[in-house]
N, C-alpha and C. Protein backbone atom coordinates (compact mmCIF):
# COMPACT_ATOMS: atom_id res chain seq x y z
N UNK A 1 7.17 23.11 10.16
CA UNK A 1 6.55 21.90 10.14
C UNK A 1 7.77 20.87 10.03
N UNK A 2 7.73 19.90 10.92
CA UNK A 2 8.76 18.66 10.81
C UNK A 2 8.30 17.68 9.78
N UNK A 3 9.21 17.25 9.04
CA UNK A 3 9.00 16.33 7.98
C UNK A 3 10.04 15.13 8.39
N UNK A 4 9.58 13.80 8.32
CA UNK A 4 10.35 12.68 8.56
C UNK A 4 10.20 11.68 7.52
N UNK A 5 11.22 11.23 6.89
CA UNK A 5 11.36 10.39 5.79
C UNK A 5 11.79 9.02 6.20
N UNK A 6 11.04 8.07 5.99
CA UNK A 6 11.35 6.68 6.22
C UNK A 6 11.79 5.84 5.11
N UNK A 7 12.94 5.20 5.21
CA UNK A 7 13.36 4.28 4.09
C UNK A 7 13.62 5.07 2.88
N UNK A 8 14.44 6.16 2.99
CA UNK A 8 14.68 6.88 1.75
C UNK A 8 15.50 6.06 0.79
N UNK A 9 15.18 6.23 -0.51
CA UNK A 9 15.98 5.45 -1.53
C UNK A 9 16.59 6.47 -2.57
N UNK A 10 17.01 6.04 -3.64
CA UNK A 10 17.53 6.98 -4.69
C UNK A 10 16.46 7.78 -5.30
N UNK A 11 15.16 7.26 -5.37
CA UNK A 11 14.18 8.06 -6.07
C UNK A 11 13.05 8.57 -5.22
N UNK A 12 12.82 7.77 -4.12
CA UNK A 12 11.71 8.36 -3.15
C UNK A 12 12.01 7.53 -1.79
N UNK A 13 11.18 8.10 -0.94
CA UNK A 13 11.13 7.48 0.42
C UNK A 13 10.00 6.46 0.60
N UNK A 14 10.13 5.54 1.28
CA UNK A 14 9.03 4.63 1.53
C UNK A 14 7.75 5.15 2.08
N UNK A 15 7.99 6.08 3.04
CA UNK A 15 6.90 6.75 3.71
C UNK A 15 7.46 8.13 4.15
N UNK A 16 6.59 9.13 4.18
CA UNK A 16 6.91 10.56 4.69
C UNK A 16 5.85 11.02 5.67
N UNK A 17 6.31 11.35 6.81
CA UNK A 17 5.55 11.94 7.96
C UNK A 17 5.53 13.37 7.79
N UNK A 18 4.40 14.03 7.74
CA UNK A 18 4.31 15.57 7.89
C UNK A 18 2.91 16.07 8.33
N UNK A 19 2.84 17.02 9.05
CA UNK A 19 1.60 17.67 9.64
C UNK A 19 0.55 16.63 9.96
N UNK A 20 1.00 15.57 10.71
CA UNK A 20 -0.05 14.68 11.29
C UNK A 20 -0.49 13.56 10.37
N UNK A 21 0.09 13.58 9.17
CA UNK A 21 -0.13 12.55 8.16
C UNK A 21 1.14 11.60 7.90
N UNK A 22 0.79 10.48 7.33
CA UNK A 22 1.85 9.51 6.89
C UNK A 22 1.42 9.22 5.47
N UNK A 23 2.39 9.57 4.38
CA UNK A 23 2.12 9.31 3.11
C UNK A 23 3.05 8.07 2.80
N UNK A 24 2.38 6.93 2.36
CA UNK A 24 3.14 5.73 2.08
C UNK A 24 3.13 5.76 0.51
N UNK A 25 4.51 5.49 -0.03
CA UNK A 25 4.75 5.46 -1.47
C UNK A 25 4.02 4.13 -1.98
N UNK A 26 3.91 4.14 -3.19
CA UNK A 26 3.42 2.82 -3.99
C UNK A 26 4.34 1.69 -3.48
N UNK A 27 3.77 0.68 -2.99
CA UNK A 27 4.49 -0.53 -2.57
C UNK A 27 4.16 -1.74 -3.42
N UNK A 28 5.18 -2.50 -3.87
CA UNK A 28 4.97 -3.69 -4.64
C UNK A 28 5.58 -4.92 -3.86
N UNK A 29 5.23 -6.07 -4.40
CA UNK A 29 5.73 -7.34 -3.69
C UNK A 29 7.23 -7.62 -4.03
N UNK A 30 7.92 -8.24 -3.08
CA UNK A 30 9.21 -8.72 -3.32
C UNK A 30 9.32 -10.02 -4.18
N UNK A 31 8.34 -10.88 -3.91
CA UNK A 31 8.32 -12.20 -4.52
C UNK A 31 7.36 -12.22 -5.73
N UNK A 32 7.75 -11.81 -6.89
CA UNK A 32 6.93 -11.70 -7.97
C UNK A 32 6.47 -12.89 -8.60
N UNK A 33 6.87 -14.07 -8.15
CA UNK A 33 6.34 -15.34 -8.57
C UNK A 33 4.90 -15.62 -7.95
N UNK A 34 4.55 -14.90 -7.00
CA UNK A 34 3.24 -15.09 -6.40
C UNK A 34 2.15 -14.67 -7.28
N UNK A 35 0.85 -15.13 -6.89
CA UNK A 35 -0.38 -14.72 -7.70
C UNK A 35 -0.77 -13.37 -7.01
N UNK A 36 -1.70 -12.84 -7.50
CA UNK A 36 -2.18 -11.53 -7.01
C UNK A 36 -2.50 -11.43 -5.58
N UNK A 37 -3.13 -12.64 -5.01
CA UNK A 37 -3.40 -12.56 -3.56
C UNK A 37 -2.15 -12.65 -2.81
N UNK A 38 -1.15 -13.40 -3.23
CA UNK A 38 0.11 -13.48 -2.50
C UNK A 38 0.94 -12.21 -2.52
N UNK A 39 0.88 -11.63 -3.73
CA UNK A 39 1.55 -10.31 -3.83
C UNK A 39 0.79 -9.13 -3.02
N UNK A 40 -0.43 -9.32 -3.08
CA UNK A 40 -1.27 -8.20 -2.31
C UNK A 40 -0.82 -8.38 -0.71
N UNK A 41 -0.87 -9.66 -0.29
CA UNK A 41 -0.50 -9.87 1.07
C UNK A 41 0.82 -9.30 1.40
N UNK A 42 1.83 -9.55 0.53
CA UNK A 42 3.26 -8.91 0.77
C UNK A 42 3.14 -7.40 0.77
N UNK A 43 2.39 -6.78 -0.16
CA UNK A 43 2.34 -5.43 -0.13
C UNK A 43 1.75 -4.80 1.12
N UNK A 44 0.61 -5.44 1.61
CA UNK A 44 0.02 -4.97 2.83
C UNK A 44 0.86 -5.26 4.02
N UNK A 45 1.71 -6.26 4.18
CA UNK A 45 2.63 -6.36 5.11
C UNK A 45 3.62 -5.25 5.16
N UNK A 46 4.13 -4.91 3.97
CA UNK A 46 5.07 -3.84 3.74
C UNK A 46 4.48 -2.39 4.32
N UNK A 47 3.22 -2.29 3.93
CA UNK A 47 2.47 -1.12 4.46
C UNK A 47 2.43 -1.09 5.90
N UNK A 48 2.06 -2.29 6.50
CA UNK A 48 2.00 -2.40 7.94
C UNK A 48 3.24 -1.99 8.49
N UNK A 49 4.46 -2.39 8.00
CA UNK A 49 5.69 -2.07 8.58
C UNK A 49 6.08 -0.54 8.48
N UNK A 50 5.78 0.02 7.28
CA UNK A 50 6.13 1.50 7.21
C UNK A 50 5.26 2.29 7.98
N UNK A 51 3.88 1.90 8.17
CA UNK A 51 3.06 2.74 9.03
C UNK A 51 3.59 2.54 10.60
N UNK A 52 3.96 1.30 10.98
CA UNK A 52 4.52 1.18 12.37
C UNK A 52 5.77 2.16 12.52
N UNK A 53 6.56 2.19 11.51
CA UNK A 53 7.77 2.92 11.71
C UNK A 53 7.35 4.52 11.90
N UNK A 54 6.34 4.94 11.37
CA UNK A 54 5.80 6.27 11.43
C UNK A 54 4.83 6.41 12.57
N UNK A 55 4.63 5.47 13.35
CA UNK A 55 3.81 5.60 14.54
C UNK A 55 2.24 5.58 14.26
N UNK A 56 1.89 4.84 13.24
CA UNK A 56 0.41 4.73 12.82
C UNK A 56 0.24 3.21 12.43
N UNK A 57 -1.00 2.95 12.08
CA UNK A 57 -1.35 1.60 11.63
C UNK A 57 -2.55 1.61 10.74
N UNK A 58 -2.91 0.47 10.05
CA UNK A 58 -3.94 0.34 9.17
C UNK A 58 -5.30 0.91 9.55
N UNK A 59 -5.55 1.04 10.78
CA UNK A 59 -6.90 1.50 11.33
C UNK A 59 -6.93 3.00 11.00
N UNK A 60 -5.84 3.71 10.76
CA UNK A 60 -5.75 5.10 10.71
C UNK A 60 -5.61 5.43 9.12
N UNK A 61 -5.76 4.56 8.25
CA UNK A 61 -5.55 4.82 6.81
C UNK A 61 -6.75 5.65 6.36
N UNK A 62 -6.52 6.72 5.72
CA UNK A 62 -7.62 7.57 5.37
C UNK A 62 -8.01 7.26 3.73
N UNK A 63 -6.94 7.03 2.98
CA UNK A 63 -7.20 6.84 1.55
C UNK A 63 -6.11 5.85 0.99
N UNK A 64 -6.51 5.01 0.03
CA UNK A 64 -5.64 4.10 -0.62
C UNK A 64 -5.86 4.15 -2.05
N UNK A 65 -4.82 4.00 -2.90
CA UNK A 65 -4.93 3.87 -4.31
C UNK A 65 -4.33 2.45 -4.65
N UNK A 66 -5.14 1.64 -5.39
CA UNK A 66 -4.72 0.28 -5.67
C UNK A 66 -4.55 0.19 -7.20
N UNK A 67 -3.28 -0.19 -7.71
CA UNK A 67 -3.25 -0.36 -9.25
C UNK A 67 -3.04 -1.86 -9.45
N UNK A 68 -3.83 -2.36 -10.36
CA UNK A 68 -3.76 -3.80 -10.68
C UNK A 68 -3.50 -3.83 -12.26
N UNK A 69 -2.73 -4.84 -12.61
CA UNK A 69 -2.35 -4.91 -14.00
C UNK A 69 -3.48 -5.48 -14.79
N UNK A 70 -4.44 -6.13 -14.26
CA UNK A 70 -5.63 -6.76 -15.11
C UNK A 70 -6.66 -6.52 -14.06
N UNK A 71 -7.68 -5.67 -14.38
CA UNK A 71 -8.86 -5.54 -13.51
C UNK A 71 -9.68 -6.79 -13.16
N UNK A 72 -9.59 -7.72 -14.06
CA UNK A 72 -10.20 -8.96 -13.87
C UNK A 72 -9.73 -9.76 -12.64
N UNK A 73 -8.50 -9.39 -12.21
CA UNK A 73 -7.87 -10.01 -11.15
C UNK A 73 -8.11 -9.32 -9.65
N UNK A 74 -9.00 -8.25 -9.76
CA UNK A 74 -9.14 -7.49 -8.42
C UNK A 74 -9.85 -8.34 -7.40
N UNK A 75 -10.62 -9.42 -7.67
CA UNK A 75 -11.13 -10.21 -6.68
C UNK A 75 -10.14 -10.93 -5.83
N UNK A 76 -9.04 -11.28 -6.38
CA UNK A 76 -7.92 -11.94 -5.66
C UNK A 76 -7.27 -10.84 -4.78
N UNK A 77 -7.18 -9.70 -5.25
CA UNK A 77 -6.65 -8.55 -4.47
C UNK A 77 -7.56 -8.23 -3.50
N UNK A 78 -8.94 -8.07 -3.72
CA UNK A 78 -9.89 -7.78 -2.79
C UNK A 78 -9.98 -8.73 -1.64
N UNK A 79 -9.78 -10.03 -1.91
CA UNK A 79 -9.83 -11.07 -0.92
C UNK A 79 -8.79 -10.75 0.18
N UNK A 80 -7.50 -10.52 -0.42
CA UNK A 80 -6.33 -10.27 0.50
C UNK A 80 -6.65 -8.96 1.22
N UNK A 81 -7.22 -7.88 0.54
CA UNK A 81 -7.41 -6.67 1.33
C UNK A 81 -8.53 -6.72 2.28
N UNK A 82 -9.57 -7.51 2.13
CA UNK A 82 -10.65 -7.64 3.18
C UNK A 82 -10.11 -8.33 4.33
N UNK A 83 -9.35 -9.36 4.04
CA UNK A 83 -8.73 -10.09 5.29
C UNK A 83 -7.81 -9.31 6.11
N UNK A 84 -7.18 -8.25 5.50
CA UNK A 84 -6.32 -7.34 6.15
C UNK A 84 -6.84 -6.12 6.80
N UNK A 85 -7.69 -5.38 6.06
CA UNK A 85 -8.23 -4.01 6.37
C UNK A 85 -9.04 -4.12 7.67
N UNK A 86 -8.90 -2.99 8.47
CA UNK A 86 -9.76 -2.86 9.68
C UNK A 86 -11.27 -2.63 9.32
N UNK A 87 -12.16 -3.53 9.37
CA UNK A 87 -13.58 -3.44 8.85
C UNK A 87 -14.27 -2.30 9.58
N UNK A 88 -13.80 -1.78 10.73
CA UNK A 88 -14.41 -0.64 11.48
C UNK A 88 -13.89 0.69 11.08
N UNK A 89 -12.89 0.71 10.24
CA UNK A 89 -12.17 1.81 9.95
C UNK A 89 -11.67 1.87 8.48
N UNK A 90 -12.74 1.63 7.66
CA UNK A 90 -12.46 1.43 6.05
C UNK A 90 -12.02 2.82 5.61
N UNK A 91 -10.90 2.86 4.81
CA UNK A 91 -10.48 3.96 4.14
C UNK A 91 -11.26 4.19 2.85
N UNK A 92 -11.11 5.52 2.28
CA UNK A 92 -11.59 5.67 0.88
C UNK A 92 -10.64 4.89 0.04
N UNK A 93 -11.08 4.47 -1.08
CA UNK A 93 -10.08 3.59 -1.92
C UNK A 93 -10.54 3.75 -3.40
N UNK A 94 -9.48 3.76 -4.19
CA UNK A 94 -9.73 3.67 -5.69
C UNK A 94 -8.92 2.47 -6.20
N UNK A 95 -9.43 1.75 -7.14
CA UNK A 95 -8.81 0.76 -7.74
C UNK A 95 -8.77 0.82 -9.38
N UNK A 96 -7.63 0.82 -9.88
CA UNK A 96 -7.52 1.07 -11.34
C UNK A 96 -6.56 0.17 -11.98
N UNK A 97 -6.86 -0.18 -13.20
CA UNK A 97 -5.92 -0.91 -14.06
C UNK A 97 -4.91 -0.15 -14.58
N UNK A 98 -3.65 -0.72 -14.36
CA UNK A 98 -2.54 0.07 -15.05
C UNK A 98 -1.31 -0.80 -15.28
N UNK A 99 -0.47 -0.47 -16.33
CA UNK A 99 0.72 -1.15 -16.51
C UNK A 99 1.71 -0.81 -15.41
N UNK A 100 2.38 -1.84 -14.79
CA UNK A 100 3.33 -1.48 -13.77
C UNK A 100 4.77 -1.70 -14.34
N UNK A 101 5.86 -1.26 -13.54
CA UNK A 101 7.15 -1.15 -13.94
C UNK A 101 7.80 -2.49 -14.45
N UNK A 102 7.41 -3.57 -13.85
CA UNK A 102 7.79 -4.87 -14.17
C UNK A 102 6.64 -5.72 -14.56
N UNK A 103 6.66 -6.40 -15.65
CA UNK A 103 5.47 -7.20 -16.09
C UNK A 103 5.09 -8.38 -15.04
N UNK A 104 5.94 -8.60 -14.17
CA UNK A 104 5.64 -9.66 -13.09
C UNK A 104 4.87 -9.05 -11.99
N UNK A 105 4.95 -7.82 -11.93
CA UNK A 105 4.22 -7.07 -10.77
C UNK A 105 2.67 -7.14 -11.19
N UNK A 106 1.93 -7.53 -10.21
CA UNK A 106 0.41 -7.53 -10.41
C UNK A 106 -0.29 -6.51 -9.68
N UNK A 107 0.22 -5.82 -8.64
CA UNK A 107 -0.53 -5.11 -7.79
C UNK A 107 0.54 -3.95 -7.12
N UNK A 108 0.12 -2.84 -7.01
CA UNK A 108 0.77 -1.76 -6.24
C UNK A 108 -0.20 -1.00 -5.43
N UNK A 109 0.16 -0.52 -4.28
CA UNK A 109 -0.73 0.06 -3.39
C UNK A 109 0.06 1.22 -2.66
N UNK A 110 -0.58 2.39 -2.66
CA UNK A 110 -0.17 3.61 -1.95
C UNK A 110 -1.33 4.01 -0.99
N UNK A 111 -0.90 4.64 0.08
CA UNK A 111 -1.91 5.17 0.97
C UNK A 111 -1.53 6.43 1.77
N UNK A 112 -2.49 7.03 2.38
CA UNK A 112 -2.20 8.21 3.31
C UNK A 112 -2.99 7.78 4.56
N UNK A 113 -2.30 7.96 5.78
CA UNK A 113 -2.84 7.57 7.12
C UNK A 113 -2.61 8.77 7.98
N UNK A 114 -3.58 8.81 8.91
CA UNK A 114 -3.27 9.83 9.99
C UNK A 114 -2.25 9.22 10.99
N UNK A 115 -1.51 10.26 11.65
CA UNK A 115 -0.54 9.82 12.53
C UNK A 115 -1.17 9.24 13.75
């Protein structure tokens, strides 16, 4: 089985392709001064870029996990998500409240897509 790693860092790769799947690591926003909607849009753009590098796209996402630091802010995240996601190809998704690595981070998203 061939394995391709995209944007490898010191701790993990941004995305890994294997066996017809693309595993996208948890992505966070670069501009942490944004509200949850702005951070979510940045994260989704990052996911778009990683999927494109792996030869996939958002219409092929099978599963996504979303972590928000305050579940009461999920509506702002959901608004950005709904504007971005392919409505004809909705993935399975979980959204949970969690403490993230930096207190300014409001959302993190990981996903798995078909190639």
